[in-house]
Amino acid sequence: MVIISSKNGFLGEILDNKTAFFIDKISSVEIIMRIHDILQNEGDAELKAKLAKQTAIERYSSNVVLKK
């Protein structure tokens, strides 16, 4: 799943430009621009989605959380 998010809140703290597409301000224009980026660079979007999933599993899966 490709992630489009602002850097406000927890997603901006756990994800970076390698794992998500960020918007500077919450507006339909910004969201449309990120969707356009995704459609123009599907391989990059797919890689970001895989890295985001990997990051989530490595940091927040029950196996990792319960070991801490």
N, C-alpha and C. Protein backbone atom coordinates (compact mmCIF):
# COMPACT_ATOMS: atom_id res chain seq x y z
N MET A 1 0.84 -1.16 0.00
CA MET A 1 0.00 0.00 0.00
C MET A 1 0.89 1.24 0.00
N VAL A 2 0.67 2.10 -0.94
CA VAL A 2 1.42 3.35 -1.03
C VAL A 2 0.83 4.34 -0.03
N ILE A 3 1.71 5.06 0.66
CA ILE A 3 1.27 5.99 1.70
C ILE A 3 1.49 7.42 1.25
N ILE A 4 0.43 8.22 1.32
CA ILE A 4 0.50 9.67 1.14
C ILE A 4 0.11 10.26 2.48
N SER A 5 0.99 11.10 3.04
CA SER A 5 0.72 11.64 4.38
C SER A 5 1.38 13.00 4.54
N SER A 6 0.90 13.75 5.52
CA SER A 6 1.63 14.95 5.93
C SER A 6 2.69 14.49 6.92
N LYS A 7 3.62 15.35 7.24
CA LYS A 7 4.64 14.99 8.22
C LYS A 7 4.16 15.28 9.64
N ASN A 8 2.96 15.80 9.77
CA ASN A 8 2.39 16.05 11.10
C ASN A 8 1.90 14.73 11.67
N GLY A 9 2.03 14.57 12.96
CA GLY A 9 1.55 13.35 13.61
C GLY A 9 2.57 12.23 13.56
N PHE A 10 2.11 11.05 13.92
CA PHE A 10 3.04 9.94 14.11
C PHE A 10 3.62 9.40 12.81
N LEU A 11 2.92 9.46 11.69
CA LEU A 11 3.47 8.92 10.44
C LEU A 11 4.72 9.68 10.01
N GLY A 12 4.72 10.98 10.21
CA GLY A 12 5.90 11.77 9.89
C GLY A 12 7.10 11.43 10.76
N GLU A 13 6.82 10.85 11.92
CA GLU A 13 7.90 10.46 12.83
C GLU A 13 8.47 9.08 12.52
N ILE A 14 7.66 8.19 11.96
CA ILE A 14 8.14 6.83 11.73
C ILE A 14 8.48 6.54 10.27
N LEU A 15 7.99 7.37 9.35
CA LEU A 15 8.28 7.17 7.93
C LEU A 15 9.17 8.30 7.43
N ASP A 16 9.81 8.06 6.28
CA ASP A 16 10.62 9.11 5.66
C ASP A 16 10.34 9.11 4.16
N ASN A 17 11.12 9.87 3.42
CA ASN A 17 10.89 9.98 1.98
C ASN A 17 11.18 8.68 1.22
N LYS A 18 11.80 7.72 1.88
CA LYS A 18 12.04 6.42 1.25
C LYS A 18 10.83 5.49 1.40
N THR A 19 9.93 5.83 2.32
CA THR A 19 8.81 4.93 2.61
C THR A 19 7.43 5.54 2.38
N ALA A 20 7.37 6.83 2.06
CA ALA A 20 6.07 7.47 1.87
C ALA A 20 6.20 8.70 0.97
N PHE A 21 5.07 9.09 0.42
CA PHE A 21 4.97 10.34 -0.32
C PHE A 21 4.36 11.36 0.63
N PHE A 22 5.05 12.45 0.87
CA PHE A 22 4.57 13.44 1.83
C PHE A 22 4.01 14.67 1.12
N ILE A 23 3.02 15.26 1.77
CA ILE A 23 2.46 16.53 1.30
C ILE A 23 2.85 17.61 2.30
N ASP A 24 3.08 18.81 1.79
CA ASP A 24 3.48 19.91 2.65
C ASP A 24 2.30 20.49 3.42
N LYS A 25 1.19 20.63 2.74
CA LYS A 25 -0.02 21.10 3.41
C LYS A 25 -1.20 20.27 2.92
N ILE A 26 -2.16 20.13 3.76
CA ILE A 26 -3.30 19.29 3.42
C ILE A 26 -4.23 20.07 2.49
N SER A 27 -4.16 19.71 1.22
CA SER A 27 -5.03 20.34 0.22
C SER A 27 -5.23 19.35 -0.92
N SER A 28 -6.32 19.53 -1.63
CA SER A 28 -6.60 18.62 -2.75
C SER A 28 -5.52 18.73 -3.82
N VAL A 29 -4.97 19.91 -4.03
CA VAL A 29 -3.92 20.10 -5.03
C VAL A 29 -2.68 19.28 -4.65
N GLU A 30 -2.27 19.34 -3.41
CA GLU A 30 -1.10 18.58 -2.95
C GLU A 30 -1.34 17.07 -3.11
N ILE A 31 -2.51 16.63 -2.73
CA ILE A 31 -2.83 15.19 -2.84
C ILE A 31 -2.81 14.76 -4.30
N ILE A 32 -3.40 15.55 -5.16
CA ILE A 32 -3.41 15.24 -6.60
C ILE A 32 -1.99 15.19 -7.14
N MET A 33 -1.13 16.11 -6.70
CA MET A 33 0.26 16.11 -7.14
C MET A 33 0.98 14.83 -6.73
N ARG A 34 0.74 14.35 -5.50
CA ARG A 34 1.38 13.11 -5.05
C ARG A 34 0.83 11.92 -5.83
N ILE A 35 -0.47 11.89 -6.08
CA ILE A 35 -1.04 10.80 -6.88
C ILE A 35 -0.43 10.81 -8.28
N HIS A 36 -0.26 11.97 -8.84
CA HIS A 36 0.38 12.09 -10.15
C HIS A 36 1.81 11.53 -10.09
N ASP A 37 2.55 11.88 -9.04
CA ASP A 37 3.90 11.35 -8.86
C ASP A 37 3.90 9.83 -8.83
N ILE A 38 2.94 9.28 -8.11
CA ILE A 38 2.83 7.81 -7.99
C ILE A 38 2.55 7.19 -9.35
N LEU A 39 1.62 7.76 -10.09
CA LEU A 39 1.27 7.20 -11.40
C LEU A 39 2.42 7.34 -12.40
N GLN A 40 3.22 8.37 -12.27
CA GLN A 40 4.35 8.58 -13.17
C GLN A 40 5.56 7.73 -12.80
N ASN A 41 5.61 7.29 -11.56
CA ASN A 41 6.76 6.52 -11.06
C ASN A 41 6.28 5.30 -10.28
N GLU A 42 5.59 4.41 -10.97
CA GLU A 42 4.99 3.26 -10.29
C GLU A 42 6.04 2.37 -9.62
N GLY A 43 7.20 2.23 -10.23
CA GLY A 43 8.26 1.41 -9.63
C GLY A 43 8.73 2.00 -8.32
N ASP A 44 8.91 3.32 -8.28
CA ASP A 44 9.31 4.01 -7.06
C ASP A 44 8.23 3.87 -6.00
N ALA A 45 6.98 4.01 -6.40
CA ALA A 45 5.87 3.87 -5.46
C ALA A 45 5.81 2.46 -4.88
N GLU A 46 6.03 1.47 -5.73
CA GLU A 46 6.01 0.08 -5.27
C GLU A 46 7.14 -0.17 -4.26
N LEU A 47 8.32 0.38 -4.54
CA LEU A 47 9.46 0.22 -3.63
C LEU A 47 9.17 0.90 -2.29
N LYS A 48 8.60 2.11 -2.33
CA LYS A 48 8.26 2.80 -1.08
C LYS A 48 7.25 1.99 -0.27
N ALA A 49 6.28 1.40 -0.94
CA ALA A 49 5.28 0.59 -0.24
C ALA A 49 5.94 -0.61 0.44
N LYS A 50 6.84 -1.27 -0.26
CA LYS A 50 7.53 -2.43 0.31
C LYS A 50 8.39 -2.02 1.51
N LEU A 51 9.09 -0.89 1.37
CA LEU A 51 9.93 -0.42 2.47
C LEU A 51 9.09 0.01 3.68
N ALA A 52 7.93 0.62 3.42
CA ALA A 52 7.04 1.01 4.51
C ALA A 52 6.55 -0.22 5.27
N LYS A 53 6.17 -1.26 4.53
CA LYS A 53 5.72 -2.50 5.17
C LYS A 53 6.84 -3.12 5.98
N GLN A 54 8.03 -3.16 5.40
CA GLN A 54 9.19 -3.72 6.09
C GLN A 54 9.48 -2.93 7.37
N THR A 55 9.42 -1.61 7.29
CA THR A 55 9.66 -0.76 8.46
C THR A 55 8.64 -1.05 9.55
N ALA A 56 7.37 -1.16 9.17
CA ALA A 56 6.32 -1.44 10.15
C ALA A 56 6.55 -2.78 10.83
N ILE A 57 6.90 -3.80 10.06
CA ILE A 57 7.13 -5.13 10.62
C ILE A 57 8.34 -5.12 11.55
N GLU A 58 9.42 -4.47 11.11
CA GLU A 58 10.65 -4.46 11.90
C GLU A 58 10.50 -3.69 13.21
N ARG A 59 9.66 -2.68 13.22
CA ARG A 59 9.53 -1.84 14.42
C ARG A 59 8.32 -2.15 15.29
N TYR A 60 7.23 -2.61 14.67
CA TYR A 60 5.97 -2.65 15.40
C TYR A 60 5.25 -3.99 15.41
N SER A 61 5.85 -5.04 14.85
CA SER A 61 5.18 -6.34 14.90
C SER A 61 5.16 -6.84 16.34
N SER A 62 4.25 -7.72 16.63
CA SER A 62 4.13 -8.21 18.02
C SER A 62 5.40 -8.90 18.47
N ASN A 63 6.10 -9.58 17.58
CA ASN A 63 7.36 -10.23 17.97
C ASN A 63 8.38 -9.23 18.45
N VAL A 64 8.46 -8.10 17.79
CA VAL A 64 9.44 -7.08 18.16
C VAL A 64 8.98 -6.34 19.43
N VAL A 65 7.73 -5.95 19.47
CA VAL A 65 7.21 -5.16 20.58
C VAL A 65 7.25 -5.96 21.88
N LEU A 66 6.92 -7.23 21.82
CA LEU A 66 6.89 -8.05 23.04
C LEU A 66 8.30 -8.38 23.55
N LYS A 67 9.31 -8.27 22.72
CA LYS A 67 10.69 -8.52 23.15
C LYS A 67 11.26 -7.33 23.94
N LYS A 68 10.67 -6.16 23.78
CA LYS A 68 11.21 -4.95 24.42
C LYS A 68 10.86 -4.89 25.86
